[in-house]
Amino acid sequence: MSELLTRVGIIGDPHAEDELLEKAIRFLRGEGVETLFCTGDVVTGRGDANRCCRLLMDNDVLTVRGNHDRWFFAPGYAEMFADSTPPDSIDAEAYAFLATLPLTRRFETVRGTLQLAHGTDTDDMRGVYPGDARWVLEANPPLQRLYAENVYRFLVGGHTHARMVRQFDHLTIINAGTLRRDRSPGFLLADFAAGAVQAYLFDEAGAIVPGDARPMG
């Protein structure tokens, strides 16, 4: 992708919530958003992970690998969680999709370079929370490295299920949260031209309602 990104739809960890994923994609496309991101963790949940893979593939959603997607291929995965995606429920095409997801992706926006990851850089288990104190951040080597290298203006990540926009001088971290129904499901529309991030939430009936709008730094 060579053009500078302006408006991006960001979908946090789907965790097999195929119905909400379909609604989020349809809504963002209806808003005229051409580029869609997903932060991974496609599997492990109470919905249809196979259909989630299909939705991401069919709608050209640019996706990275989450730790649950990595664990999916590990021995004993099916016993790890009560809602683990049964490996035999994933067809060959979806299996190949999960197996080839990259750790990170790099993009150019009209406001600077962006990294899409699940956690922090190539560490899919490192996340940043809205209330993390300074000492917690200093104990996050991938974040410290990204900050010091000063290559990326934005880090779009997931893993924590904590929706936020948080700025550290020249680095802004954006997290869309998750689609898990028990974790305040929602997604984001990031307008890099306007410098704002609009949150959208799912209510208890599954309808989409506007959330907070925040500057992105």
N, C-alpha and C. Protein backbone atom coordinates (compact mmCIF):
# COMPACT_ATOMS: atom_id res chain seq x y z
N MET A 1 0.86 -1.19 0.00
CA MET A 1 0.00 0.00 0.00
C MET A 1 0.89 1.24 0.00
N SER A 2 0.82 2.03 -1.06
CA SER A 2 1.74 3.15 -1.22
C SER A 2 1.13 4.49 -0.87
N GLU A 3 -0.20 4.63 -0.92
CA GLU A 3 -0.82 5.93 -0.66
C GLU A 3 -0.81 6.23 0.83
N LEU A 4 -0.86 7.52 1.16
CA LEU A 4 -0.92 7.93 2.55
C LEU A 4 -2.33 7.72 3.09
N LEU A 5 -2.43 7.06 4.21
CA LEU A 5 -3.74 6.78 4.80
C LEU A 5 -4.31 8.03 5.46
N THR A 6 -5.61 8.21 5.29
CA THR A 6 -6.28 9.34 5.92
C THR A 6 -7.33 8.90 6.93
N ARG A 7 -8.26 8.02 6.53
CA ARG A 7 -9.31 7.55 7.44
C ARG A 7 -9.23 6.02 7.50
N VAL A 8 -9.11 5.51 8.72
CA VAL A 8 -8.89 4.09 8.93
C VAL A 8 -9.88 3.56 9.96
N GLY A 9 -10.51 2.44 9.67
CA GLY A 9 -11.33 1.76 10.65
C GLY A 9 -10.47 0.77 11.41
N ILE A 10 -10.55 0.81 12.74
CA ILE A 10 -9.71 -0.06 13.57
C ILE A 10 -10.61 -0.98 14.38
N ILE A 11 -10.44 -2.27 14.17
CA ILE A 11 -11.23 -3.28 14.87
C ILE A 11 -10.30 -4.03 15.82
N GLY A 12 -10.62 -3.99 17.11
CA GLY A 12 -9.82 -4.69 18.09
C GLY A 12 -10.11 -6.18 18.08
N ASP A 13 -9.50 -6.89 18.98
CA ASP A 13 -9.53 -8.35 19.04
C ASP A 13 -10.94 -8.92 18.87
N PRO A 14 -11.24 -9.60 17.76
CA PRO A 14 -12.60 -10.11 17.52
C PRO A 14 -13.01 -11.26 18.42
N HIS A 15 -12.08 -12.14 18.74
CA HIS A 15 -12.35 -13.30 19.58
C HIS A 15 -13.62 -14.04 19.13
N ALA A 16 -13.66 -14.34 17.84
CA ALA A 16 -14.71 -15.18 17.24
C ALA A 16 -16.10 -14.55 17.23
N GLU A 17 -16.21 -13.27 17.54
CA GLU A 17 -17.52 -12.60 17.54
C GLU A 17 -17.88 -12.22 16.10
N ASP A 18 -18.30 -13.21 15.32
CA ASP A 18 -18.52 -12.99 13.90
C ASP A 18 -19.66 -12.01 13.62
N GLU A 19 -20.72 -12.04 14.41
CA GLU A 19 -21.85 -11.14 14.17
C GLU A 19 -21.45 -9.68 14.39
N LEU A 20 -20.74 -9.41 15.46
CA LEU A 20 -20.31 -8.03 15.72
C LEU A 20 -19.24 -7.59 14.73
N LEU A 21 -18.39 -8.52 14.32
CA LEU A 21 -17.38 -8.19 13.31
C LEU A 21 -18.04 -7.79 12.01
N GLU A 22 -19.05 -8.53 11.60
CA GLU A 22 -19.75 -8.19 10.37
C GLU A 22 -20.40 -6.81 10.47
N LYS A 23 -21.01 -6.52 11.60
CA LYS A 23 -21.64 -5.21 11.79
C LYS A 23 -20.62 -4.08 11.76
N ALA A 24 -19.46 -4.30 12.41
CA ALA A 24 -18.43 -3.26 12.44
C ALA A 24 -17.90 -2.99 11.04
N ILE A 25 -17.63 -4.04 10.27
CA ILE A 25 -17.13 -3.87 8.91
C ILE A 25 -18.17 -3.14 8.05
N ARG A 26 -19.42 -3.56 8.14
CA ARG A 26 -20.47 -2.93 7.34
C ARG A 26 -20.63 -1.45 7.70
N PHE A 27 -20.58 -1.15 9.00
CA PHE A 27 -20.72 0.24 9.43
C PHE A 27 -19.57 1.10 8.91
N LEU A 28 -18.34 0.62 9.06
CA LEU A 28 -17.19 1.40 8.64
C LEU A 28 -17.17 1.59 7.13
N ARG A 29 -17.55 0.58 6.38
CA ARG A 29 -17.64 0.74 4.93
C ARG A 29 -18.72 1.76 4.58
N GLY A 30 -19.81 1.76 5.35
CA GLY A 30 -20.86 2.73 5.12
C GLY A 30 -20.44 4.15 5.40
N GLU A 31 -19.41 4.30 6.26
CA GLU A 31 -18.86 5.63 6.56
C GLU A 31 -17.82 6.05 5.52
N GLY A 32 -17.63 5.24 4.51
CA GLY A 32 -16.68 5.58 3.45
C GLY A 32 -15.23 5.26 3.79
N VAL A 33 -15.01 4.44 4.81
CA VAL A 33 -13.65 4.06 5.19
C VAL A 33 -13.17 2.95 4.26
N GLU A 34 -12.07 3.18 3.58
CA GLU A 34 -11.57 2.20 2.62
C GLU A 34 -10.56 1.24 3.24
N THR A 35 -9.83 1.69 4.26
CA THR A 35 -8.79 0.88 4.88
C THR A 35 -9.25 0.42 6.25
N LEU A 36 -9.20 -0.89 6.48
CA LEU A 36 -9.61 -1.46 7.75
C LEU A 36 -8.46 -2.24 8.37
N PHE A 37 -8.26 -2.04 9.67
CA PHE A 37 -7.26 -2.78 10.43
C PHE A 37 -7.94 -3.72 11.41
N CYS A 38 -7.27 -4.82 11.73
CA CYS A 38 -7.69 -5.70 12.83
C CYS A 38 -6.44 -6.10 13.60
N THR A 39 -6.51 -6.03 14.94
CA THR A 39 -5.34 -6.25 15.78
C THR A 39 -5.13 -7.71 16.16
N GLY A 40 -5.85 -8.64 15.56
CA GLY A 40 -5.61 -10.05 15.82
C GLY A 40 -6.41 -10.62 16.97
N ASP A 41 -6.05 -11.82 17.41
CA ASP A 41 -6.88 -12.62 18.31
C ASP A 41 -8.24 -12.87 17.64
N VAL A 42 -8.17 -13.47 16.48
CA VAL A 42 -9.37 -13.80 15.72
C VAL A 42 -10.10 -14.97 16.37
N VAL A 43 -9.34 -15.90 16.93
CA VAL A 43 -9.92 -17.11 17.51
C VAL A 43 -10.12 -16.96 19.02
N THR A 44 -10.69 -18.00 19.61
CA THR A 44 -11.01 -18.10 21.04
C THR A 44 -12.18 -17.19 21.38
N GLY A 45 -13.35 -17.76 21.41
CA GLY A 45 -14.56 -17.02 21.73
C GLY A 45 -15.78 -17.89 21.47
N ARG A 46 -16.94 -17.34 21.72
CA ARG A 46 -18.17 -18.13 21.65
C ARG A 46 -18.88 -18.04 20.30
N GLY A 47 -18.30 -17.29 19.36
CA GLY A 47 -18.91 -17.19 18.04
C GLY A 47 -18.26 -18.13 17.05
N ASP A 48 -18.24 -17.72 15.79
CA ASP A 48 -17.75 -18.56 14.69
C ASP A 48 -16.43 -17.98 14.18
N ALA A 49 -15.32 -18.54 14.64
CA ALA A 49 -14.01 -18.03 14.23
C ALA A 49 -13.76 -18.26 12.75
N ASN A 50 -14.29 -19.36 12.22
CA ASN A 50 -14.13 -19.63 10.80
C ASN A 50 -14.78 -18.53 9.97
N ARG A 51 -15.96 -18.10 10.38
CA ARG A 51 -16.63 -17.01 9.66
C ARG A 51 -15.89 -15.68 9.86
N CYS A 52 -15.30 -15.48 11.03
CA CYS A 52 -14.49 -14.27 11.25
C CYS A 52 -13.34 -14.21 10.25
N CYS A 53 -12.67 -15.33 10.06
CA CYS A 53 -11.57 -15.37 9.09
C CYS A 53 -12.09 -15.01 7.70
N ARG A 54 -13.24 -15.56 7.35
CA ARG A 54 -13.83 -15.30 6.04
C ARG A 54 -14.17 -13.81 5.88
N LEU A 55 -14.74 -13.21 6.91
CA LEU A 55 -15.09 -11.79 6.85
C LEU A 55 -13.85 -10.92 6.69
N LEU A 56 -12.80 -11.25 7.41
CA LEU A 56 -11.56 -10.48 7.32
C LEU A 56 -10.93 -10.62 5.94
N MET A 57 -10.95 -11.83 5.40
CA MET A 57 -10.38 -12.06 4.07
C MET A 57 -11.21 -11.39 2.99
N ASP A 58 -12.51 -11.60 3.03
CA ASP A 58 -13.38 -11.11 1.96
C ASP A 58 -13.46 -9.59 1.93
N ASN A 59 -13.23 -8.96 3.07
CA ASN A 59 -13.32 -7.50 3.14
C ASN A 59 -11.96 -6.81 3.20
N ASP A 60 -10.92 -7.57 2.89
CA ASP A 60 -9.56 -7.02 2.83
C ASP A 60 -9.18 -6.27 4.10
N VAL A 61 -9.55 -6.83 5.25
CA VAL A 61 -9.17 -6.21 6.52
C VAL A 61 -7.72 -6.59 6.83
N LEU A 62 -6.89 -5.59 6.98
CA LEU A 62 -5.46 -5.81 7.20
C LEU A 62 -5.26 -6.24 8.65
N THR A 63 -4.82 -7.47 8.84
CA THR A 63 -4.84 -8.12 10.15
C THR A 63 -3.45 -8.59 10.55
N VAL A 64 -3.16 -8.52 11.85
CA VAL A 64 -1.92 -9.07 12.38
C VAL A 64 -2.25 -10.25 13.31
N ARG A 65 -1.23 -10.98 13.68
CA ARG A 65 -1.41 -12.17 14.51
C ARG A 65 -1.46 -11.81 15.99
N GLY A 66 -2.47 -12.32 16.67
CA GLY A 66 -2.55 -12.17 18.11
C GLY A 66 -1.99 -13.38 18.83
N ASN A 67 -1.83 -13.28 20.14
CA ASN A 67 -1.30 -14.41 20.89
C ASN A 67 -2.24 -15.62 20.84
N HIS A 68 -3.56 -15.39 20.78
CA HIS A 68 -4.48 -16.52 20.66
C HIS A 68 -4.37 -17.19 19.29
N ASP A 69 -4.11 -16.40 18.26
CA ASP A 69 -3.90 -16.97 16.93
C ASP A 69 -2.62 -17.80 16.92
N ARG A 70 -1.62 -17.36 17.65
CA ARG A 70 -0.38 -18.14 17.77
C ARG A 70 -0.62 -19.42 18.57
N TRP A 71 -1.34 -19.30 19.67
CA TRP A 71 -1.61 -20.48 20.51
C TRP A 71 -2.47 -21.51 19.78
N PHE A 72 -3.28 -21.04 18.82
CA PHE A 72 -4.15 -21.95 18.07
C PHE A 72 -3.36 -23.10 17.45
N PHE A 73 -2.11 -22.84 17.08
CA PHE A 73 -1.28 -23.84 16.43
C PHE A 73 -0.40 -24.61 17.42
N ALA A 74 -0.54 -24.33 18.69
CA ALA A 74 0.28 -24.98 19.70
C ALA A 74 -0.40 -26.24 20.23
N PRO A 75 0.36 -27.26 20.61
CA PRO A 75 -0.23 -28.45 21.21
C PRO A 75 -1.00 -28.09 22.48
N GLY A 76 -2.16 -28.69 22.63
CA GLY A 76 -2.95 -28.45 23.83
C GLY A 76 -3.80 -27.21 23.81
N TYR A 77 -3.82 -26.49 22.66
CA TYR A 77 -4.61 -25.25 22.60
C TYR A 77 -6.07 -25.49 22.96
N ALA A 78 -6.66 -26.57 22.45
CA ALA A 78 -8.09 -26.83 22.66
C ALA A 78 -8.45 -26.96 24.13
N GLU A 79 -7.47 -27.30 24.97
CA GLU A 79 -7.74 -27.44 26.40
C GLU A 79 -7.40 -26.18 27.20
N MET A 80 -6.89 -25.16 26.54
CA MET A 80 -6.41 -23.98 27.26
C MET A 80 -7.54 -23.12 27.80
N PHE A 81 -8.65 -23.01 27.04
CA PHE A 81 -9.75 -22.13 27.41
C PHE A 81 -11.08 -22.84 27.19
N ALA A 82 -12.06 -22.47 28.00
CA ALA A 82 -13.39 -23.07 27.85
C ALA A 82 -14.00 -22.74 26.50
N ASP A 83 -13.64 -21.58 25.95
CA ASP A 83 -14.21 -21.17 24.66
C ASP A 83 -13.17 -21.22 23.54
N SER A 84 -12.17 -22.08 23.67
CA SER A 84 -11.19 -22.25 22.60
C SER A 84 -11.88 -22.67 21.30
N THR A 85 -11.44 -22.10 20.21
CA THR A 85 -11.99 -22.47 18.90
C THR A 85 -11.57 -23.89 18.54
N PRO A 86 -12.51 -24.80 18.31
CA PRO A 86 -12.12 -26.17 17.92
C PRO A 86 -11.30 -26.15 16.63
N PRO A 87 -10.10 -26.69 16.65
CA PRO A 87 -9.28 -26.66 15.43
C PRO A 87 -9.98 -27.27 14.22
N ASP A 88 -10.83 -28.27 14.44
CA ASP A 88 -11.49 -28.90 13.30
C ASP A 88 -12.65 -28.07 12.75
N SER A 89 -12.94 -26.91 13.38
CA SER A 89 -13.98 -26.03 12.86
C SER A 89 -13.43 -25.05 11.82
N ILE A 90 -12.12 -24.99 11.68
CA ILE A 90 -11.47 -24.06 10.76
C ILE A 90 -11.17 -24.76 9.45
N ASP A 91 -11.69 -24.22 8.35
CA ASP A 91 -11.44 -24.85 7.06
C ASP A 91 -10.04 -24.50 6.55
N ALA A 92 -9.67 -25.10 5.43
CA ALA A 92 -8.29 -24.98 4.95
C ALA A 92 -7.91 -23.54 4.62
N GLU A 93 -8.83 -22.79 4.01
CA GLU A 93 -8.51 -21.42 3.64
C GLU A 93 -8.34 -20.54 4.87
N ALA A 94 -9.23 -20.70 5.84
CA ALA A 94 -9.12 -19.93 7.08
C ALA A 94 -7.87 -20.33 7.86
N TYR A 95 -7.57 -21.62 7.85
CA TYR A 95 -6.37 -22.12 8.52
C TYR A 95 -5.12 -21.45 7.94
N ALA A 96 -5.06 -21.37 6.61
CA ALA A 96 -3.92 -20.74 5.95
C ALA A 96 -3.86 -19.25 6.27
N PHE A 97 -5.03 -18.62 6.36
CA PHE A 97 -5.08 -17.20 6.72
C PHE A 97 -4.47 -16.98 8.10
N LEU A 98 -4.88 -17.77 9.08
CA LEU A 98 -4.36 -17.63 10.44
C LEU A 98 -2.86 -17.93 10.48
N ALA A 99 -2.44 -18.94 9.72
CA ALA A 99 -1.05 -19.38 9.76
C ALA A 99 -0.10 -18.36 9.16
N THR A 100 -0.59 -17.49 8.28
CA THR A 100 0.29 -16.56 7.58
C THR A 100 0.13 -15.11 8.06
N LEU A 101 -0.60 -14.90 9.15
CA LEU A 101 -0.74 -13.54 9.66
C LEU A 101 0.62 -13.02 10.13
N PRO A 102 0.99 -11.79 9.76
CA PRO A 102 2.27 -11.24 10.19
C PRO A 102 2.20 -10.72 11.63
N LEU A 103 3.36 -10.58 12.26
CA LEU A 103 3.42 -10.03 13.61
C LEU A 103 3.07 -8.55 13.61
N THR A 104 3.57 -7.83 12.63
CA THR A 104 3.33 -6.39 12.54
C THR A 104 3.15 -6.00 11.07
N ARG A 105 2.58 -4.82 10.87
CA ARG A 105 2.48 -4.23 9.54
C ARG A 105 2.83 -2.74 9.67
N ARG A 106 3.40 -2.20 8.63
CA ARG A 106 3.82 -0.80 8.62
C ARG A 106 3.06 -0.04 7.54
N PHE A 107 2.60 1.15 7.89
CA PHE A 107 1.84 1.99 6.96
C PHE A 107 2.29 3.44 7.09
N GLU A 108 2.02 4.19 6.03
CA GLU A 108 2.28 5.63 6.06
C GLU A 108 0.95 6.37 6.07
N THR A 109 0.78 7.25 7.03
CA THR A 109 -0.42 8.07 7.12
C THR A 109 -0.06 9.52 6.80
N VAL A 110 -1.06 10.35 6.68
CA VAL A 110 -0.80 11.77 6.40
C VAL A 110 -0.18 12.46 7.61
N ARG A 111 -0.15 11.79 8.76
CA ARG A 111 0.45 12.37 9.97
C ARG A 111 1.69 11.62 10.42
N GLY A 112 2.18 10.68 9.62
CA GLY A 112 3.39 9.97 9.99
C GLY A 112 3.24 8.46 9.88
N THR A 113 4.32 7.75 10.20
CA THR A 113 4.39 6.30 10.04
C THR A 113 3.66 5.60 11.18
N LEU A 114 2.98 4.52 10.83
CA LEU A 114 2.14 3.78 11.78
C LEU A 114 2.55 2.32 11.78
N GLN A 115 2.59 1.74 12.98
CA GLN A 115 2.77 0.29 13.10
C GLN A 115 1.48 -0.33 13.62
N LEU A 116 1.04 -1.38 12.94
CA LEU A 116 -0.09 -2.19 13.40
C LEU A 116 0.48 -3.45 14.03
N ALA A 117 0.11 -3.71 15.27
CA ALA A 117 0.60 -4.87 16.01
C ALA A 117 -0.52 -5.38 16.90
N HIS A 118 -0.29 -6.53 17.51
CA HIS A 118 -1.27 -7.02 18.49
C HIS A 118 -0.95 -6.48 19.87
N GLY A 119 0.30 -6.64 20.29
CA GLY A 119 0.73 -6.13 21.58
C GLY A 119 1.54 -4.87 21.39
N THR A 120 2.84 -4.99 21.59
CA THR A 120 3.76 -3.87 21.37
C THR A 120 4.88 -4.36 20.48
N ASP A 121 4.97 -3.83 19.29
CA ASP A 121 5.94 -4.27 18.30
C ASP A 121 5.76 -5.77 18.09
N THR A 122 6.82 -6.56 18.13
CA THR A 122 6.72 -7.99 17.84
C THR A 122 6.37 -8.82 19.07
N ASP A 123 6.18 -8.22 20.21
CA ASP A 123 5.81 -8.94 21.44
C ASP A 123 4.30 -8.92 21.57
N ASP A 124 3.66 -10.07 21.27
CA ASP A 124 2.19 -10.10 21.28
C ASP A 124 1.59 -10.23 22.67
N MET A 125 2.42 -10.24 23.70
CA MET A 125 1.94 -10.31 25.08
C MET A 125 2.17 -9.02 25.85
N ARG A 126 2.73 -8.02 25.20
CA ARG A 126 3.01 -6.73 25.86
C ARG A 126 1.96 -5.72 25.44
N GLY A 127 1.22 -5.22 26.40
CA GLY A 127 0.21 -4.21 26.11
C GLY A 127 0.37 -3.00 27.01
N VAL A 128 -0.28 -1.94 26.63
CA VAL A 128 -0.29 -0.71 27.42
C VAL A 128 -1.73 -0.43 27.82
N TYR A 129 -1.94 -0.14 29.09
CA TYR A 129 -3.27 0.15 29.62
C TYR A 129 -3.42 1.65 29.86
N PRO A 130 -4.65 2.15 29.85
CA PRO A 130 -4.85 3.59 30.05
C PRO A 130 -4.25 4.13 31.35
N GLY A 131 -4.27 3.33 32.41
CA GLY A 131 -3.80 3.83 33.70
C GLY A 131 -2.40 3.43 34.06
N ASP A 132 -1.63 2.89 33.11
CA ASP A 132 -0.27 2.45 33.42
C ASP A 132 0.58 3.62 33.92
N ALA A 133 1.21 3.41 35.07
CA ALA A 133 2.11 4.43 35.61
C ALA A 133 3.43 4.41 34.86
N ARG A 134 4.24 5.41 35.10
CA ARG A 134 5.49 5.55 34.36
C ARG A 134 6.41 4.34 34.54
N TRP A 135 6.47 3.79 35.75
CA TRP A 135 7.38 2.67 35.98
C TRP A 135 6.96 1.43 35.18
N VAL A 136 5.64 1.27 34.96
CA VAL A 136 5.17 0.16 34.15
C VAL A 136 5.63 0.34 32.71
N LEU A 137 5.54 1.54 32.22
CA LEU A 137 5.96 1.82 30.85
C LEU A 137 7.47 1.64 30.69
N GLU A 138 8.22 2.04 31.71
CA GLU A 138 9.67 1.88 31.63
C GLU A 138 10.08 0.42 31.68
N ALA A 139 9.19 -0.44 32.17
CA ALA A 139 9.47 -1.87 32.23
C ALA A 139 8.96 -2.61 30.99
N ASN A 140 8.58 -1.86 29.96
CA ASN A 140 8.09 -2.42 28.71
C ASN A 140 9.15 -2.20 27.63
N PRO A 141 10.12 -3.13 27.50
CA PRO A 141 11.23 -2.91 26.55
C PRO A 141 10.80 -2.64 25.11
N PRO A 142 9.79 -3.36 24.57
CA PRO A 142 9.40 -3.04 23.18
C PRO A 142 8.91 -1.60 23.02
N LEU A 143 8.16 -1.13 24.01
CA LEU A 143 7.68 0.25 23.93
C LEU A 143 8.82 1.24 24.04
N GLN A 144 9.76 0.96 24.95
CA GLN A 144 10.91 1.84 25.10
C GLN A 144 11.74 1.89 23.82
N ARG A 145 11.86 0.75 23.15
CA ARG A 145 12.63 0.71 21.90
C ARG A 145 11.93 1.51 20.81
N LEU A 146 10.61 1.33 20.66
CA LEU A 146 9.88 2.09 19.65
C LEU A 146 9.98 3.58 19.91
N TYR A 147 9.88 3.95 21.18
CA TYR A 147 9.97 5.36 21.55
C TYR A 147 11.36 5.93 21.19
N ALA A 148 12.41 5.18 21.54
CA ALA A 148 13.78 5.67 21.33
C ALA A 148 14.14 5.72 19.85
N GLU A 149 13.67 4.75 19.08
CA GLU A 149 14.00 4.73 17.65
C GLU A 149 13.32 5.85 16.89
N ASN A 150 12.17 6.30 17.38
CA ASN A 150 11.46 7.45 16.81
C ASN A 150 11.18 7.27 15.31
N VAL A 151 10.79 6.04 14.94
CA VAL A 151 10.41 5.76 13.56
C VAL A 151 8.90 5.91 13.38
N TYR A 152 8.16 5.44 14.37
CA TYR A 152 6.71 5.42 14.28
C TYR A 152 6.09 6.58 15.05
N ARG A 153 5.12 7.20 14.41
CA ARG A 153 4.33 8.23 15.07
C ARG A 153 3.13 7.60 15.80
N PHE A 154 2.67 6.45 15.28
CA PHE A 154 1.49 5.79 15.85
C PHE A 154 1.75 4.30 16.01
N LEU A 155 1.27 3.77 17.13
CA LEU A 155 1.22 2.33 17.36
C LEU A 155 -0.24 1.96 17.56
N VAL A 156 -0.77 1.17 16.63
CA VAL A 156 -2.14 0.65 16.77
C VAL A 156 -2.02 -0.78 17.26
N GLY A 157 -2.49 -1.02 18.49
CA GLY A 157 -2.34 -2.33 19.10
C GLY A 157 -3.63 -2.82 19.72
N GLY A 158 -3.57 -4.00 20.27
CA GLY A 158 -4.73 -4.61 20.91
C GLY A 158 -4.31 -5.28 22.21
N HIS A 159 -4.72 -6.52 22.39
CA HIS A 159 -4.32 -7.40 23.49
C HIS A 159 -4.97 -7.07 24.83
N THR A 160 -4.98 -5.81 25.23
CA THR A 160 -5.46 -5.44 26.57
C THR A 160 -6.97 -5.36 26.65
N HIS A 161 -7.65 -5.23 25.52
CA HIS A 161 -9.10 -5.02 25.46
C HIS A 161 -9.50 -3.67 26.08
N ALA A 162 -8.53 -2.80 26.26
CA ALA A 162 -8.78 -1.49 26.87
C ALA A 162 -8.73 -0.41 25.80
N ARG A 163 -9.88 0.14 25.46
CA ARG A 163 -9.98 1.14 24.40
C ARG A 163 -9.32 2.43 24.87
N MET A 164 -8.43 3.00 24.04
CA MET A 164 -7.75 4.22 24.48
C MET A 164 -7.02 4.89 23.33
N VAL A 165 -6.71 6.16 23.54
CA VAL A 165 -5.77 6.92 22.73
C VAL A 165 -4.84 7.59 23.74
N ARG A 166 -3.56 7.26 23.69
CA ARG A 166 -2.63 7.77 24.68
C ARG A 166 -1.34 8.21 24.01
N GLN A 167 -0.89 9.42 24.35
CA GLN A 167 0.26 10.00 23.68
C GLN A 167 1.46 10.06 24.61
N PHE A 168 2.61 9.65 24.06
CA PHE A 168 3.89 9.77 24.74
C PHE A 168 4.81 10.60 23.85
N ASP A 169 4.74 11.92 24.01
CA ASP A 169 5.53 12.83 23.19
C ASP A 169 5.26 12.56 21.70
N HIS A 170 6.23 12.00 20.98
CA HIS A 170 6.08 11.80 19.54
C HIS A 170 5.38 10.50 19.17
N LEU A 171 5.04 9.67 20.16
CA LEU A 171 4.42 8.37 19.88
C LEU A 171 3.01 8.33 20.48
N THR A 172 2.03 8.04 19.64
CA THR A 172 0.64 7.91 20.09
C THR A 172 0.20 6.47 19.96
N ILE A 173 -0.34 5.92 21.05
CA ILE A 173 -0.82 4.54 21.06
C ILE A 173 -2.35 4.56 20.94
N ILE A 174 -2.86 3.78 19.99
CA ILE A 174 -4.30 3.70 19.75
C ILE A 174 -4.73 2.25 19.93
N ASN A 175 -5.74 2.03 20.74
CA ASN A 175 -6.26 0.68 20.99
C ASN A 175 -7.78 0.72 20.85
N ALA A 176 -8.31 -0.15 19.99
CA ALA A 176 -9.75 -0.16 19.73
C ALA A 176 -10.52 -1.03 20.71
N GLY A 177 -9.83 -1.70 21.63
CA GLY A 177 -10.52 -2.57 22.57
C GLY A 177 -10.75 -3.94 21.96
N THR A 178 -11.96 -4.45 22.07
CA THR A 178 -12.28 -5.80 21.61
C THR A 178 -13.73 -5.86 21.15
N LEU A 179 -14.07 -6.94 20.48
CA LEU A 179 -15.46 -7.21 20.12
C LEU A 179 -16.12 -8.20 21.08
N ARG A 180 -15.39 -8.68 22.07
CA ARG A 180 -15.97 -9.61 23.03
C ARG A 180 -17.17 -8.97 23.72
N ARG A 181 -18.28 -9.68 23.74
CA ARG A 181 -19.52 -9.12 24.27
C ARG A 181 -19.46 -8.84 25.76
N ASP A 182 -18.56 -9.52 26.46
CA ASP A 182 -18.45 -9.30 27.91
C ASP A 182 -17.38 -8.28 28.27
N ARG A 183 -16.85 -7.56 27.27
CA ARG A 183 -15.78 -6.59 27.52
C ARG A 183 -16.06 -5.24 26.85
N SER A 184 -17.28 -4.75 26.94
CA SER A 184 -17.64 -3.45 26.34
C SER A 184 -17.21 -3.38 24.88
N PRO A 185 -17.80 -4.19 24.02
CA PRO A 185 -17.35 -4.27 22.63
C PRO A 185 -17.53 -2.96 21.87
N GLY A 186 -16.59 -2.73 20.96
CA GLY A 186 -16.65 -1.54 20.13
C GLY A 186 -15.50 -1.51 19.14
N PHE A 187 -15.37 -0.41 18.42
CA PHE A 187 -14.31 -0.24 17.43
C PHE A 187 -14.08 1.24 17.23
N LEU A 188 -13.11 1.60 16.39
CA LEU A 188 -12.72 3.00 16.22
C LEU A 188 -12.69 3.39 14.75
N LEU A 189 -12.89 4.69 14.52
CA LEU A 189 -12.64 5.30 13.22
C LEU A 189 -11.60 6.38 13.46
N ALA A 190 -10.41 6.18 12.90
CA ALA A 190 -9.31 7.13 13.07
C ALA A 190 -9.20 8.01 11.84
N ASP A 191 -9.37 9.31 12.03
CA ASP A 191 -9.26 10.28 10.94
C ASP A 191 -7.93 11.00 11.10
N PHE A 192 -6.92 10.55 10.36
CA PHE A 192 -5.59 11.12 10.50
C PHE A 192 -5.50 12.52 9.91
N ALA A 193 -6.33 12.81 8.94
CA ALA A 193 -6.35 14.15 8.38
C ALA A 193 -6.87 15.16 9.40
N ALA A 194 -7.92 14.77 10.12
CA ALA A 194 -8.51 15.66 11.13
C ALA A 194 -7.82 15.56 12.48
N GLY A 195 -7.02 14.51 12.68
CA GLY A 195 -6.34 14.33 13.95
C GLY A 195 -7.27 13.92 15.07
N ALA A 196 -8.26 13.07 14.77
CA ALA A 196 -9.25 12.67 15.78
C ALA A 196 -9.59 11.20 15.63
N VAL A 197 -9.95 10.59 16.76
CA VAL A 197 -10.37 9.19 16.79
C VAL A 197 -11.78 9.13 17.38
N GLN A 198 -12.72 8.55 16.65
CA GLN A 198 -14.10 8.42 17.10
C GLN A 198 -14.35 6.96 17.49
N ALA A 199 -14.83 6.76 18.70
CA ALA A 199 -15.18 5.42 19.16
C ALA A 199 -16.64 5.12 18.86
N TYR A 200 -16.92 3.86 18.55
CA TYR A 200 -18.29 3.38 18.39
C TYR A 200 -18.43 2.13 19.25
N LEU A 201 -19.55 2.04 19.96
CA LEU A 201 -19.79 0.95 20.89
C LEU A 201 -21.02 0.15 20.48
N PHE A 202 -21.05 -1.10 20.92
CA PHE A 202 -22.23 -1.93 20.75
C PHE A 202 -23.02 -1.92 22.05
N ASP A 203 -24.33 -1.63 21.96
CA ASP A 203 -25.14 -1.70 23.16
C ASP A 203 -25.56 -3.16 23.42
N GLU A 204 -26.34 -3.38 24.45
CA GLU A 204 -26.70 -4.75 24.83
C GLU A 204 -27.50 -5.47 23.74
N ALA A 205 -28.19 -4.70 22.90
CA ALA A 205 -28.96 -5.30 21.81
C ALA A 205 -28.12 -5.50 20.55
N GLY A 206 -26.86 -5.10 20.59
CA GLY A 206 -26.00 -5.24 19.43
C GLY A 206 -26.06 -4.08 18.46
N ALA A 207 -26.74 -3.00 18.84
CA ALA A 207 -26.79 -1.81 18.00
C ALA A 207 -25.53 -0.97 18.21
N ILE A 208 -25.13 -0.24 17.18
CA ILE A 208 -23.93 0.59 17.23
C ILE A 208 -24.30 2.00 17.66
N VAL A 209 -23.63 2.50 18.71
CA VAL A 209 -23.87 3.85 19.21
C VAL A 209 -22.54 4.59 19.30
N PRO A 210 -22.54 5.91 19.09
CA PRO A 210 -21.28 6.68 19.17
C PRO A 210 -20.74 6.72 20.59
N GLY A 211 -19.43 6.63 20.69
CA GLY A 211 -18.74 6.81 21.97
C GLY A 211 -18.00 8.12 21.97
N ASP A 212 -16.89 8.16 22.69
CA ASP A 212 -16.10 9.39 22.82
C ASP A 212 -15.32 9.66 21.53
N ALA A 213 -15.07 10.95 21.29
CA ALA A 213 -14.15 11.38 20.25
C ALA A 213 -12.92 11.95 20.96
N ARG A 214 -11.73 11.54 20.51
CA ARG A 214 -10.51 11.97 21.17
C ARG A 214 -9.48 12.44 20.16
N PRO A 215 -8.69 13.45 20.51
CA PRO A 215 -7.59 13.85 19.61
C PRO A 215 -6.52 12.78 19.61
N MET A 216 -5.81 12.67 18.48
CA MET A 216 -4.77 11.64 18.40
C MET A 216 -3.37 12.19 18.55
N GLY A 217 -3.22 13.46 18.85
CA GLY A 217 -1.89 14.00 19.07
C GLY A 217 -1.24 14.51 17.78
